N, C-alpha and C. Protein backbone atom coordinates (compact mmCIF):
# COMPACT_ATOMS: atom_id res chain seq x y z
N MET A 1 20.81 1.19 -9.53
CA MET A 1 19.92 2.08 -8.78
C MET A 1 19.40 1.41 -7.50
N ASP A 2 19.05 2.26 -6.50
CA ASP A 2 18.53 1.70 -5.26
C ASP A 2 17.01 1.75 -5.26
N ARG A 3 16.42 1.60 -4.09
CA ARG A 3 14.97 1.49 -3.99
C ARG A 3 14.24 2.77 -4.37
N VAL A 4 14.93 3.90 -4.33
CA VAL A 4 14.24 5.15 -4.64
C VAL A 4 14.44 5.53 -6.10
N GLU A 5 14.83 4.58 -6.93
CA GLU A 5 15.13 4.86 -8.32
C GLU A 5 13.94 5.44 -9.07
N LEU A 6 12.72 5.06 -8.70
CA LEU A 6 11.54 5.55 -9.41
C LEU A 6 11.42 7.05 -9.29
N LEU A 7 11.60 7.56 -8.07
CA LEU A 7 11.51 9.00 -7.86
C LEU A 7 12.68 9.72 -8.52
N GLU A 8 13.87 9.18 -8.36
CA GLU A 8 15.05 9.84 -8.90
C GLU A 8 15.01 9.85 -10.43
N ALA A 9 14.53 8.77 -11.02
CA ALA A 9 14.44 8.71 -12.47
C ALA A 9 13.46 9.76 -12.99
N ALA A 10 12.34 9.94 -12.28
CA ALA A 10 11.36 10.94 -12.69
C ALA A 10 11.97 12.34 -12.63
N ALA A 11 12.74 12.60 -11.58
CA ALA A 11 13.34 13.93 -11.44
C ALA A 11 14.43 14.15 -12.49
N ARG A 12 15.25 13.14 -12.73
CA ARG A 12 16.30 13.27 -13.75
C ARG A 12 15.70 13.54 -15.12
N ALA A 13 14.60 12.89 -15.39
CA ALA A 13 13.99 13.02 -16.72
C ALA A 13 13.36 14.38 -16.93
N ASP A 14 12.76 14.95 -15.90
CA ASP A 14 11.96 16.17 -16.09
C ASP A 14 12.59 17.44 -15.54
N GLY A 15 13.75 17.36 -14.91
CA GLY A 15 14.42 18.56 -14.43
C GLY A 15 13.56 19.32 -13.44
N ASP A 16 13.30 20.64 -13.72
CA ASP A 16 12.52 21.47 -12.81
C ASP A 16 11.15 20.88 -12.55
N ALA A 17 10.50 20.41 -13.61
CA ALA A 17 9.16 19.83 -13.44
C ALA A 17 9.23 18.61 -12.55
N GLY A 18 10.30 17.84 -12.69
CA GLY A 18 10.44 16.66 -11.85
C GLY A 18 10.55 17.01 -10.40
N GLN A 19 11.26 18.10 -10.08
CA GLN A 19 11.39 18.52 -8.69
C GLN A 19 10.04 18.92 -8.13
N ARG A 20 9.24 19.66 -8.94
CA ARG A 20 7.92 20.06 -8.45
C ARG A 20 7.05 18.84 -8.20
N ARG A 21 7.13 17.87 -9.09
CA ARG A 21 6.29 16.67 -8.93
C ARG A 21 6.71 15.87 -7.71
N LEU A 22 8.02 15.85 -7.44
CA LEU A 22 8.46 15.15 -6.24
C LEU A 22 7.87 15.79 -5.00
N GLY A 23 7.78 17.13 -4.99
CA GLY A 23 7.16 17.81 -3.87
C GLY A 23 5.70 17.44 -3.74
N GLU A 24 4.99 17.34 -4.88
CA GLU A 24 3.59 16.95 -4.84
C GLU A 24 3.44 15.53 -4.32
N MET A 25 4.32 14.65 -4.79
CA MET A 25 4.23 13.25 -4.37
C MET A 25 4.48 13.11 -2.88
N HIS A 26 5.42 13.91 -2.35
CA HIS A 26 5.71 13.81 -0.93
C HIS A 26 4.48 14.13 -0.10
N GLY A 27 3.60 15.01 -0.61
CA GLY A 27 2.42 15.39 0.15
C GLY A 27 1.25 14.46 -0.03
N HIS A 28 1.23 13.66 -1.10
CA HIS A 28 0.02 12.89 -1.41
C HIS A 28 0.20 11.37 -1.36
N VAL A 29 1.35 10.89 -1.74
CA VAL A 29 1.47 9.46 -1.98
C VAL A 29 1.85 8.72 -0.72
N ARG A 30 1.17 7.61 -0.48
CA ARG A 30 1.48 6.81 0.70
C ARG A 30 1.89 5.39 0.35
N LEU A 31 1.52 4.95 -0.78
CA LEU A 31 1.84 3.58 -1.19
C LEU A 31 2.19 3.51 -2.66
N VAL A 32 3.19 2.75 -2.93
CA VAL A 32 3.60 2.40 -4.29
C VAL A 32 3.82 3.59 -5.19
N PRO A 33 4.78 4.41 -5.08
CA PRO A 33 5.60 4.54 -3.91
C PRO A 33 5.03 5.59 -2.97
N GLN A 34 5.05 5.35 -1.72
CA GLN A 34 4.43 6.03 -0.58
C GLN A 34 3.02 6.45 -0.90
N ALA A 35 1.45 5.01 -2.00
CA ALA A 35 0.63 4.26 -2.88
C ALA A 35 0.60 4.92 -4.09
N LEU A 36 -0.20 4.94 -4.86
CA LEU A 36 -0.23 5.22 -6.25
C LEU A 36 -0.83 6.59 -6.40
N VAL A 37 -3.11 11.43 -7.67
CA VAL A 37 -4.16 12.18 -7.71
C VAL A 37 -3.87 12.94 -8.99
N GLU A 38 -2.52 12.88 -9.44
CA GLU A 38 -2.32 13.59 -10.67
C GLU A 38 -1.34 12.79 -11.51
N PRO A 39 -1.41 12.93 -12.88
CA PRO A 39 -0.44 12.21 -13.69
C PRO A 39 0.96 12.72 -13.43
N VAL A 40 1.92 11.83 -13.36
CA VAL A 40 3.32 12.19 -13.18
C VAL A 40 4.11 11.61 -14.33
N GLN A 41 4.82 12.45 -15.06
CA GLN A 41 5.61 11.97 -16.18
C GLN A 41 6.83 11.23 -15.65
N GLN A 42 7.05 10.01 -16.15
CA GLN A 42 8.23 9.25 -15.79
C GLN A 42 8.84 8.67 -17.05
N ARG A 43 10.12 8.55 -17.06
CA ARG A 43 10.78 7.95 -18.20
C ARG A 43 11.63 6.79 -17.71
N SER A 44 11.62 5.72 -18.48
CA SER A 44 12.48 4.58 -18.21
C SER A 44 13.31 4.33 -19.45
N ALA A 45 14.04 3.24 -19.44
CA ALA A 45 14.81 2.89 -20.63
C ALA A 45 13.89 2.66 -21.82
N ALA A 46 12.63 2.34 -21.53
CA ALA A 46 11.68 2.05 -22.61
C ALA A 46 11.07 3.32 -23.20
N GLY A 47 11.24 4.49 -22.54
CA GLY A 47 10.68 5.72 -23.08
C GLY A 47 9.87 6.46 -22.04
N GLU A 48 9.03 7.39 -22.50
CA GLU A 48 8.26 8.27 -21.61
C GLU A 48 6.85 7.72 -21.42
N HIS A 49 6.40 7.70 -20.15
CA HIS A 49 5.09 7.14 -19.86
C HIS A 49 4.45 7.90 -18.72
N ASP A 50 3.13 7.74 -18.56
CA ASP A 50 2.39 8.33 -17.44
C ASP A 50 2.28 7.32 -16.33
N ALA A 51 2.38 7.79 -15.08
CA ALA A 51 2.21 6.92 -13.92
C ALA A 51 1.07 7.47 -13.08
N ALA A 52 0.06 6.67 -12.82
CA ALA A 52 -1.09 7.12 -12.03
C ALA A 52 -0.77 7.09 -10.55
N ILE A 53 -1.30 8.07 -9.82
CA ILE A 53 -1.10 8.14 -8.37
C ILE A 53 -2.46 8.21 -7.70
N HIS A 54 -2.69 7.36 -6.72
CA HIS A 54 -3.96 7.32 -6.03
C HIS A 54 -3.71 7.48 -4.53
N ASP A 55 -4.45 8.40 -3.94
CA ASP A 55 -4.21 8.76 -2.55
C ASP A 55 -4.92 7.81 -1.60
N VAL A 56 -4.40 6.60 -1.49
CA VAL A 56 -4.95 5.60 -0.57
C VAL A 56 -3.78 5.02 0.21
N GLY A 57 -3.89 4.97 1.53
CA GLY A 57 -2.77 4.45 2.30
C GLY A 57 -3.10 4.26 3.76
N GLY A 58 -2.13 4.55 4.60
CA GLY A 58 -2.25 4.26 6.03
C GLY A 58 -3.40 4.93 6.72
N ASP A 59 -3.65 6.21 6.40
CA ASP A 59 -4.75 6.93 7.06
C ASP A 59 -6.10 6.31 6.74
N GLU A 60 -6.27 5.89 5.49
CA GLU A 60 -7.53 5.27 5.09
C GLU A 60 -7.70 3.91 5.78
N MET A 61 -6.61 3.21 5.99
CA MET A 61 -6.67 1.94 6.71
C MET A 61 -7.06 2.16 8.16
N ASP A 62 -6.48 3.18 8.79
CA ASP A 62 -6.85 3.50 10.18
C ASP A 62 -8.33 3.83 10.27
N GLU A 63 -8.83 4.61 9.31
CA GLU A 63 -10.24 5.00 9.32
C GLU A 63 -11.13 3.78 9.14
N ALA A 64 -10.71 2.82 8.33
CA ALA A 64 -11.49 1.60 8.12
C ALA A 64 -11.60 0.80 9.42
N ILE A 65 -10.52 0.75 10.19
CA ILE A 65 -10.55 0.04 11.48
C ILE A 65 -11.46 0.75 12.46
N ILE A 66 -11.37 2.07 12.53
CA ILE A 66 -12.23 2.87 13.43
C ILE A 66 -13.70 2.63 13.11
N ASN A 67 -14.05 2.67 11.82
CA ASN A 67 -15.45 2.49 11.41
C ASN A 67 -15.94 1.08 11.69
N HIS A 68 -15.07 0.09 11.51
CA HIS A 68 -15.46 -1.30 11.77
C HIS A 68 -15.78 -1.49 13.26
N ILE A 69 -14.92 -1.01 14.12
CA ILE A 69 -15.13 -1.17 15.57
C ILE A 69 -16.35 -0.39 16.02
N LYS A 70 -16.57 0.78 15.44
CA LYS A 70 -17.74 1.58 15.78
C LYS A 70 -19.02 0.85 15.36
N ARG A 71 -18.99 0.24 14.18
CA ARG A 71 -20.17 -0.42 13.64
C ARG A 71 -20.47 -1.74 14.35
N GLU A 72 -19.44 -2.53 14.59
CA GLU A 72 -19.63 -3.86 15.15
C GLU A 72 -19.74 -3.89 16.67
N TYR A 73 -19.05 -2.99 17.35
CA TYR A 73 -18.99 -3.05 18.81
C TYR A 73 -19.53 -1.81 19.49
N LYS A 74 -19.97 -0.81 18.72
CA LYS A 74 -20.44 0.47 19.28
C LYS A 74 -19.38 1.04 20.22
N LEU A 75 -18.13 0.97 19.76
CA LEU A 75 -16.99 1.41 20.56
C LEU A 75 -16.24 2.49 19.80
N LEU A 76 -15.92 3.58 20.51
CA LEU A 76 -15.18 4.67 19.91
C LEU A 76 -13.70 4.57 20.27
N ILE A 77 -12.83 4.61 19.24
CA ILE A 77 -11.39 4.63 19.46
C ILE A 77 -10.78 5.75 18.64
N GLY A 78 -9.58 6.15 18.98
CA GLY A 78 -8.89 7.21 18.26
C GLY A 78 -8.02 6.66 17.14
N GLN A 79 -7.48 7.56 16.34
CA GLN A 79 -6.65 7.15 15.21
C GLN A 79 -5.35 6.50 15.66
N GLN A 80 -4.80 6.98 16.78
CA GLN A 80 -3.56 6.37 17.27
C GLN A 80 -3.79 4.91 17.66
N THR A 81 -4.93 4.65 18.33
CA THR A 81 -5.26 3.26 18.69
C THR A 81 -5.47 2.42 17.44
N ALA A 82 -6.14 2.98 16.45
CA ALA A 82 -6.37 2.25 15.20
C ALA A 82 -5.05 1.91 14.53
N GLU A 83 -4.11 2.84 14.55
CA GLU A 83 -2.81 2.58 13.93
C GLU A 83 -2.06 1.47 14.67
N GLU A 84 -2.17 1.49 16.00
CA GLU A 84 -1.52 0.43 16.79
C GLU A 84 -2.12 -0.94 16.46
N ILE A 85 -3.44 -0.97 16.31
CA ILE A 85 -4.11 -2.23 15.94
C ILE A 85 -3.62 -2.69 14.57
N LYS A 86 -3.54 -1.76 13.64
CA LYS A 86 -3.09 -2.09 12.27
C LYS A 86 -1.69 -2.69 12.28
N LEU A 87 -0.79 -2.09 13.05
CA LEU A 87 0.59 -2.55 13.06
C LEU A 87 0.76 -3.85 13.84
N GLU A 88 -0.05 -4.04 14.88
CA GLU A 88 0.12 -5.22 15.73
C GLU A 88 -0.58 -6.46 15.16
N VAL A 89 -1.80 -6.32 14.68
CA VAL A 89 -2.54 -7.49 14.21
C VAL A 89 -3.11 -7.33 12.80
N GLY A 90 -2.88 -6.17 12.17
CA GLY A 90 -3.40 -5.95 10.83
C GLY A 90 -2.61 -6.74 9.79
N SER A 91 -3.28 -7.12 8.72
CA SER A 91 -2.62 -7.86 7.64
C SER A 91 -3.45 -7.76 6.38
N ALA A 92 -2.79 -7.97 5.25
CA ALA A 92 -3.48 -7.97 3.96
C ALA A 92 -3.55 -9.36 3.37
N PHE A 93 -2.91 -10.30 4.02
CA PHE A 93 -2.86 -11.68 3.53
C PHE A 93 -2.94 -12.61 4.74
N ALA A 94 -3.50 -13.80 4.53
CA ALA A 94 -3.66 -14.75 5.63
C ALA A 94 -2.34 -15.00 6.36
N MET A 95 -2.38 -14.95 7.68
CA MET A 95 -1.18 -15.16 8.49
C MET A 95 -1.00 -16.64 8.82
N LYS A 96 0.24 -17.04 9.00
CA LYS A 96 0.50 -18.44 9.38
C LYS A 96 -0.12 -18.75 10.73
N GLU A 97 -0.09 -17.77 11.61
CA GLU A 97 -0.69 -17.94 12.94
C GLU A 97 -1.49 -16.69 13.27
N GLU A 98 -2.81 -16.84 13.32
CA GLU A 98 -3.68 -15.69 13.61
C GLU A 98 -3.52 -15.27 15.07
N VAL A 99 -3.57 -13.97 15.33
CA VAL A 99 -3.38 -13.44 16.68
C VAL A 99 -4.56 -12.57 17.06
N GLN A 100 -4.57 -12.14 18.32
CA GLN A 100 -5.65 -11.29 18.82
C GLN A 100 -5.08 -10.07 19.51
N ALA A 101 -5.92 -9.04 19.63
CA ALA A 101 -5.53 -7.82 20.32
C ALA A 101 -6.66 -7.34 21.22
N GLU A 102 -6.30 -6.84 22.38
CA GLU A 102 -7.27 -6.27 23.32
C GLU A 102 -7.39 -4.78 23.04
N VAL A 103 -8.61 -4.33 22.76
CA VAL A 103 -8.82 -2.93 22.38
C VAL A 103 -9.70 -2.24 23.41
N ARG A 104 -9.22 -1.10 23.89
CA ARG A 104 -9.99 -0.31 24.85
C ARG A 104 -10.48 0.97 24.20
N GLY A 105 -11.73 1.31 24.53
CA GLY A 105 -12.30 2.53 23.99
C GLY A 105 -13.48 2.98 24.83
N ARG A 106 -14.30 3.87 24.27
CA ARG A 106 -15.47 4.38 25.00
C ARG A 106 -16.74 3.83 24.37
N ASP A 107 -17.57 3.23 25.21
CA ASP A 107 -18.85 2.68 24.76
C ASP A 107 -19.76 3.80 24.28
N MET A 108 -20.26 3.68 23.05
CA MET A 108 -21.11 4.73 22.49
C MET A 108 -22.46 4.81 23.18
N LEU A 109 -22.91 3.72 23.82
CA LEU A 109 -24.23 3.70 24.46
C LEU A 109 -24.19 4.18 25.89
N THR A 110 -23.17 3.79 26.64
CA THR A 110 -23.10 4.14 28.05
C THR A 110 -22.12 5.28 28.34
N GLY A 111 -21.18 5.50 27.43
CA GLY A 111 -20.16 6.52 27.66
C GLY A 111 -19.05 6.06 28.57
N LEU A 112 -19.10 4.78 28.98
CA LEU A 112 -18.11 4.23 29.90
C LEU A 112 -17.00 3.50 29.13
N PRO A 113 -15.83 3.32 29.76
CA PRO A 113 -14.75 2.56 29.12
C PRO A 113 -15.20 1.13 28.85
N LYS A 114 -14.72 0.57 27.75
CA LYS A 114 -15.11 -0.78 27.36
C LYS A 114 -13.94 -1.45 26.65
N THR A 115 -13.83 -2.77 26.85
CA THR A 115 -12.75 -3.53 26.22
C THR A 115 -13.32 -4.63 25.35
N VAL A 116 -12.78 -4.78 24.13
CA VAL A 116 -13.19 -5.86 23.24
C VAL A 116 -11.93 -6.56 22.72
N ILE A 117 -12.12 -7.78 22.23
CA ILE A 117 -11.03 -8.55 21.66
C ILE A 117 -11.21 -8.64 20.15
N LEU A 118 -10.18 -8.24 19.41
CA LEU A 118 -10.20 -8.32 17.96
C LEU A 118 -9.22 -9.38 17.48
N SER A 119 -9.64 -10.17 16.50
CA SER A 119 -8.72 -11.14 15.90
C SER A 119 -8.07 -10.52 14.66
N SER A 120 -6.92 -11.04 14.30
CA SER A 120 -6.23 -10.54 13.10
C SER A 120 -7.07 -10.79 11.85
N GLU A 121 -7.84 -11.86 11.85
CA GLU A 121 -8.70 -12.15 10.71
C GLU A 121 -9.79 -11.09 10.56
N GLU A 122 -10.35 -10.65 11.70
CA GLU A 122 -11.39 -9.62 11.68
C GLU A 122 -10.82 -8.28 11.20
N VAL A 123 -9.61 -7.95 11.66
CA VAL A 123 -8.98 -6.70 11.23
C VAL A 123 -8.66 -6.76 9.74
N ARG A 124 -8.23 -7.92 9.27
CA ARG A 124 -7.95 -8.08 7.84
C ARG A 124 -9.21 -7.83 7.01
N HIS A 125 -10.33 -8.33 7.51
CA HIS A 125 -11.61 -8.11 6.82
C HIS A 125 -11.97 -6.62 6.82
N ALA A 126 -11.70 -5.92 7.93
CA ALA A 126 -12.00 -4.49 8.02
C ALA A 126 -11.15 -3.69 7.04
N LEU A 127 -9.96 -4.19 6.73
CA LEU A 127 -9.03 -3.48 5.84
C LEU A 127 -9.22 -3.82 4.37
N GLU A 128 -10.16 -4.70 4.06
CA GLU A 128 -10.33 -5.17 2.69
C GLU A 128 -10.59 -4.03 1.70
N GLU A 129 -11.44 -3.07 2.08
CA GLU A 129 -11.79 -2.01 1.13
C GLU A 129 -10.58 -1.17 0.70
N PRO A 130 -9.81 -0.58 1.67
CA PRO A 130 -8.64 0.20 1.22
C PRO A 130 -7.58 -0.66 0.53
N VAL A 131 -7.40 -1.89 0.99
CA VAL A 131 -6.42 -2.77 0.34
C VAL A 131 -6.84 -3.07 -1.08
N ASN A 132 -8.13 -3.35 -1.28
CA ASN A 132 -8.63 -3.64 -2.64
C ASN A 132 -8.51 -2.41 -3.54
N GLN A 133 -8.68 -1.21 -2.99
CA GLN A 133 -8.51 0.01 -3.78
C GLN A 133 -7.08 0.12 -4.28
N ILE A 134 -6.14 -0.23 -3.43
CA ILE A 134 -4.73 -0.19 -3.82
C ILE A 134 -4.46 -1.22 -4.91
N ILE A 135 -4.97 -2.42 -4.71
CA ILE A 135 -4.77 -3.49 -5.69
C ILE A 135 -5.38 -3.12 -7.03
N ASP A 136 -6.62 -2.60 -7.01
CA ASP A 136 -7.29 -2.22 -8.25
C ASP A 136 -6.53 -1.11 -8.98
N ALA A 137 -5.99 -0.16 -8.22
CA ALA A 137 -5.24 0.93 -8.83
C ALA A 137 -3.97 0.41 -9.50
N ILE A 138 -3.30 -0.52 -8.84
CA ILE A 138 -2.07 -1.09 -9.41
C ILE A 138 -2.40 -1.89 -10.66
N LYS A 139 -3.45 -2.69 -10.61
CA LYS A 139 -3.83 -3.48 -11.78
C LYS A 139 -4.22 -2.58 -12.94
N SER A 140 -4.95 -1.51 -12.66
CA SER A 140 -5.37 -0.59 -13.70
C SER A 140 -4.15 0.07 -14.36
N THR A 141 -3.17 0.46 -13.52
CA THR A 141 -1.96 1.07 -14.05
C THR A 141 -1.16 0.09 -14.89
N LEU A 142 -1.04 -1.14 -14.40
CA LEU A 142 -0.29 -2.16 -15.14
C LEU A 142 -0.98 -2.49 -16.46
N ASP A 143 -2.31 -2.45 -16.45
CA ASP A 143 -3.06 -2.76 -17.67
C ASP A 143 -2.80 -1.73 -18.77
N LYS A 144 -2.49 -0.49 -18.37
CA LYS A 144 -2.25 0.58 -19.33
C LYS A 144 -0.76 0.75 -19.64
N THR A 145 0.07 -0.07 -19.01
CA THR A 145 1.51 0.07 -19.17
C THR A 145 1.99 -0.53 -20.49
N PRO A 146 2.80 0.18 -21.27
CA PRO A 146 3.34 -0.37 -22.51
C PRO A 146 4.16 -1.62 -22.24
N PRO A 147 4.22 -2.54 -23.19
CA PRO A 147 4.93 -3.81 -22.96
C PRO A 147 6.38 -3.64 -22.52
N GLU A 148 7.08 -2.64 -23.10
CA GLU A 148 8.49 -2.47 -22.75
C GLU A 148 8.66 -2.09 -21.28
N LEU A 149 7.81 -1.17 -20.81
CA LEU A 149 7.89 -0.76 -19.42
C LEU A 149 7.43 -1.89 -18.50
N ALA A 150 6.41 -2.64 -18.94
CA ALA A 150 5.95 -3.78 -18.14
C ALA A 150 7.07 -4.78 -17.94
N ALA A 151 7.90 -4.96 -18.97
CA ALA A 151 9.05 -5.86 -18.84
C ALA A 151 10.03 -5.35 -17.80
N ASP A 152 10.24 -4.03 -17.77
CA ASP A 152 11.12 -3.44 -16.75
C ASP A 152 10.58 -3.70 -15.35
N ILE A 153 9.26 -3.52 -15.18
CA ILE A 153 8.64 -3.73 -13.87
C ILE A 153 8.74 -5.20 -13.47
N MET A 154 8.53 -6.09 -14.43
CA MET A 154 8.63 -7.51 -14.13
C MET A 154 10.04 -7.87 -13.69
N ASP A 155 11.02 -7.20 -14.29
CA ASP A 155 12.42 -7.48 -13.96
C ASP A 155 12.81 -6.89 -12.61
N ARG A 156 12.43 -5.63 -12.37
CA ARG A 156 12.83 -4.92 -11.15
C ARG A 156 11.84 -5.11 -10.01
N GLY A 157 10.57 -5.33 -10.36
CA GLY A 157 9.55 -5.52 -9.34
C GLY A 157 8.91 -4.21 -8.90
N ILE A 158 7.84 -4.34 -8.12
CA ILE A 158 7.14 -3.20 -7.52
C ILE A 158 7.73 -2.96 -6.14
N VAL A 159 8.02 -1.71 -5.83
CA VAL A 159 8.60 -1.36 -4.53
C VAL A 159 7.57 -0.62 -3.69
N LEU A 160 7.34 -1.11 -2.46
CA LEU A 160 6.38 -0.49 -1.55
C LEU A 160 7.11 0.44 -0.59
N ALA A 161 6.56 1.64 -0.40
CA ALA A 161 7.15 2.61 0.51
C ALA A 161 6.05 3.34 1.27
N GLY A 162 6.42 4.02 2.34
CA GLY A 162 5.45 4.75 3.15
C GLY A 162 4.95 3.90 4.30
N GLY A 163 4.25 4.53 5.24
CA GLY A 163 3.77 3.82 6.42
C GLY A 163 2.82 2.69 6.10
N GLY A 164 1.95 2.89 5.09
CA GLY A 164 1.00 1.84 4.73
C GLY A 164 1.68 0.58 4.25
N ALA A 165 2.92 0.71 3.73
CA ALA A 165 3.66 -0.46 3.25
C ALA A 165 4.02 -1.40 4.38
N LEU A 166 3.95 -0.93 5.62
CA LEU A 166 4.30 -1.75 6.77
C LEU A 166 3.17 -2.70 7.17
N LEU A 167 2.03 -2.61 6.51
CA LEU A 167 0.94 -3.54 6.81
C LEU A 167 1.40 -4.95 6.51
N GLY A 168 1.26 -5.83 7.47
CA GLY A 168 1.74 -7.19 7.33
C GLY A 168 1.12 -7.91 6.14
N GLY A 169 1.95 -8.56 5.36
CA GLY A 169 1.47 -9.37 4.26
C GLY A 169 1.06 -8.60 3.02
N LEU A 170 1.24 -7.27 3.00
CA LEU A 170 0.82 -6.50 1.83
C LEU A 170 1.65 -6.88 0.61
N ASP A 171 2.95 -7.07 0.81
CA ASP A 171 3.80 -7.46 -0.32
C ASP A 171 3.39 -8.82 -0.87
N GLU A 172 3.08 -9.76 0.04
CA GLU A 172 2.67 -11.09 -0.40
C GLU A 172 1.33 -11.04 -1.12
N ARG A 173 0.41 -10.21 -0.63
CA ARG A 173 -0.91 -10.07 -1.27
C ARG A 173 -0.75 -9.52 -2.68
N LEU A 174 0.12 -8.53 -2.85
CA LEU A 174 0.30 -7.95 -4.17
C LEU A 174 0.99 -8.92 -5.12
N ARG A 175 1.91 -9.71 -4.61
CA ARG A 175 2.53 -10.74 -5.45
C ARG A 175 1.48 -11.73 -5.92
N HIS A 176 0.56 -12.09 -5.01
CA HIS A 176 -0.49 -13.04 -5.35
C HIS A 176 -1.46 -12.45 -6.38
N GLU A 177 -1.77 -11.17 -6.25
CA GLU A 177 -2.76 -10.53 -7.12
C GLU A 177 -2.19 -10.15 -8.48
N THR A 178 -0.93 -9.74 -8.54
CA THR A 178 -0.35 -9.23 -9.79
C THR A 178 0.57 -10.23 -10.47
N HIS A 179 0.99 -11.27 -9.74
CA HIS A 179 1.95 -12.24 -10.27
C HIS A 179 3.25 -11.57 -10.69
N MET A 180 3.64 -10.55 -9.94
CA MET A 180 4.88 -9.83 -10.22
C MET A 180 5.70 -9.74 -8.95
N PRO A 181 7.02 -9.55 -9.07
CA PRO A 181 7.85 -9.38 -7.86
C PRO A 181 7.44 -8.12 -7.11
N VAL A 182 7.38 -8.21 -5.81
CA VAL A 182 7.05 -7.05 -4.97
C VAL A 182 8.06 -6.99 -3.82
N HIS A 183 8.63 -5.82 -3.61
CA HIS A 183 9.66 -5.65 -2.58
C HIS A 183 9.25 -4.53 -1.63
N LEU A 184 9.64 -4.67 -0.38
CA LEU A 184 9.45 -3.61 0.61
C LEU A 184 10.72 -2.77 0.64
N ALA A 185 10.56 -1.45 0.54
CA ALA A 185 11.72 -0.55 0.57
C ALA A 185 12.51 -0.76 1.85
N GLU A 186 13.81 -0.55 1.77
CA GLU A 186 14.67 -0.77 2.93
C GLU A 186 14.28 0.12 4.10
N SER A 187 13.84 1.33 3.82
CA SER A 187 13.38 2.25 4.87
C SER A 187 12.08 2.90 4.39
N PRO A 188 10.96 2.19 4.51
CA PRO A 188 9.69 2.66 3.92
C PRO A 188 9.26 4.05 4.36
N LEU A 189 9.54 4.40 5.61
CA LEU A 189 9.06 5.68 6.14
C LEU A 189 9.89 6.87 5.67
N THR A 190 11.12 6.64 5.24
CA THR A 190 12.00 7.76 4.91
C THR A 190 12.52 7.75 3.47
N CYS A 191 12.32 6.68 2.73
CA CYS A 191 12.98 6.56 1.42
C CYS A 191 12.52 7.62 0.42
N VAL A 192 11.24 8.05 0.50
CA VAL A 192 10.77 9.09 -0.42
C VAL A 192 11.49 10.40 -0.16
N ALA A 193 11.61 10.77 1.13
CA ALA A 193 12.32 12.00 1.48
C ALA A 193 13.80 11.90 1.11
N VAL A 194 14.40 10.74 1.34
CA VAL A 194 15.81 10.54 1.00
C VAL A 194 16.01 10.65 -0.50
N GLY A 195 15.12 10.02 -1.27
CA GLY A 195 15.23 10.09 -2.73
C GLY A 195 15.07 11.51 -3.24
N SER A 196 14.13 12.27 -2.64
CA SER A 196 13.95 13.67 -3.03
C SER A 196 15.21 14.47 -2.72
N GLY A 197 15.79 14.21 -1.54
CA GLY A 197 17.02 14.91 -1.17
C GLY A 197 18.16 14.62 -2.11
N ARG A 198 18.31 13.37 -2.49
CA ARG A 198 19.38 13.01 -3.42
C ARG A 198 19.19 13.68 -4.77
N SER A 199 17.94 13.77 -5.21
CA SER A 199 17.67 14.44 -6.48
C SER A 199 18.04 15.92 -6.41
N LEU A 200 17.74 16.55 -5.27
CA LEU A 200 18.09 17.96 -5.11
C LEU A 200 19.60 18.16 -5.09
N GLU A 201 20.32 17.21 -4.51
CA GLU A 201 21.78 17.30 -4.48
C GLU A 201 22.36 17.26 -5.89
N GLU A 202 21.69 16.56 -6.78
CA GLU A 202 22.16 16.43 -8.16
C GLU A 202 21.34 17.30 -9.12
N PHE A 203 20.80 18.40 -8.60
CA PHE A 203 19.88 19.21 -9.38
C PHE A 203 20.50 19.70 -10.69
N ASP A 204 21.72 20.22 -10.64
CA ASP A 204 22.36 20.76 -11.84
C ASP A 204 22.56 19.68 -12.89
N ALA A 205 23.03 18.52 -12.46
CA ALA A 205 23.25 17.42 -13.40
C ALA A 205 21.92 16.95 -14.00
N ILE A 206 20.88 16.91 -13.18
CA ILE A 206 19.56 16.50 -13.66
C ILE A 206 19.06 17.50 -14.71
N HIS A 207 19.24 18.79 -14.42
CA HIS A 207 18.76 19.82 -15.34
C HIS A 207 19.51 19.75 -16.67
N ARG A 208 20.84 19.58 -16.61
CA ARG A 208 21.62 19.48 -17.85
C ARG A 208 21.21 18.25 -18.66
N SER A 209 21.00 17.13 -17.96
CA SER A 209 20.60 15.91 -18.64
C SER A 209 19.25 16.07 -19.31
N SER A 210 18.32 16.74 -18.64
CA SER A 210 16.99 16.96 -19.20
C SER A 210 17.07 17.82 -20.45
N ARG A 211 17.88 18.90 -20.41
CA ARG A 211 18.01 19.78 -21.57
C ARG A 211 18.66 19.05 -22.73
N ALA A 212 19.65 18.19 -22.43
CA ALA A 212 20.33 17.44 -23.48
C ALA A 212 19.36 16.48 -24.15
N ARG A 213 18.51 15.84 -23.36
CA ARG A 213 17.51 14.93 -23.93
C ARG A 213 16.54 15.69 -24.83
N GLY A 214 16.17 16.92 -24.38
CA GLY A 214 15.24 17.71 -25.18
C GLY A 214 15.82 18.08 -26.53
N ARG A 215 17.10 18.48 -26.54
CA ARG A 215 17.75 18.82 -27.80
C ARG A 215 17.87 17.60 -28.70
N SER A 216 18.16 16.45 -28.08
CA SER A 216 18.31 15.21 -28.84
C SER A 216 16.99 14.83 -29.49
N ARG A 217 15.88 14.97 -28.74
CA ARG A 217 14.57 14.61 -29.31
C ARG A 217 14.17 15.57 -30.41
N ASN A 218 14.46 16.85 -30.22
CA ASN A 218 14.08 17.85 -31.23
C ASN A 218 14.86 17.66 -32.52
N GLY A 219 16.07 17.13 -32.42
CA GLY A 219 16.88 16.95 -33.60
C GLY A 219 16.77 15.59 -34.24
N SER A 220 15.97 14.71 -33.67
CA SER A 220 15.84 13.36 -34.19
C SER A 220 14.86 13.32 -35.34
N ARG A 221 15.03 12.35 -36.20
CA ARG A 221 14.14 12.18 -37.33
C ARG A 221 12.95 11.31 -36.94
N ARG A 222 11.85 11.51 -37.61
CA ARG A 222 10.65 10.72 -37.39
C ARG A 222 10.43 9.82 -38.56
N TYR A 223 10.07 8.58 -38.31
CA TYR A 223 9.84 7.61 -39.38
C TYR A 223 8.41 7.08 -39.29
């Protein structure tokens, strides 16, 4: 399987329901995968389990930068500027070489243009709250994960997707916090859509497989 195996596996397992959930995920999830609002049924080789989804990602990071600059410098900037700051000097883990960025905005006191200098360390501090929310959500999910599925995750690792996954050092921060392998999807911005498309291409096979599994479970003995 490739990087979008998590989405495709969910769709294969649930058939029609899986397709609907993929649509929901495309609209809500920004990290892990495209981050972690409703339970989504997923099945692995270990069996059927719930996967928590939390709507925290790139937009929340941009908002954290905007609020930090407004609070510390009384400077107003837009979301596009905040996103540029995040991509250029933002990070979730200490950088080997800290950098700076020149930020232009409107002074809240005078209404005139104003320029300030932000360090990557300062931006990292501003992003701590949304990053910690992501980390806490992942830890909470892993804590509730059955041992068999946890072994699968330890073997395959956690895959980051979506725009928020492009935050520098996020994969390294998660490796440090969870002590598990963490990988960045090959195409973070498009892999969720690509995975959904591939699932739709195999819709008939997914539906047949789901029905076969249902008949198999209904006919199995319980001990």
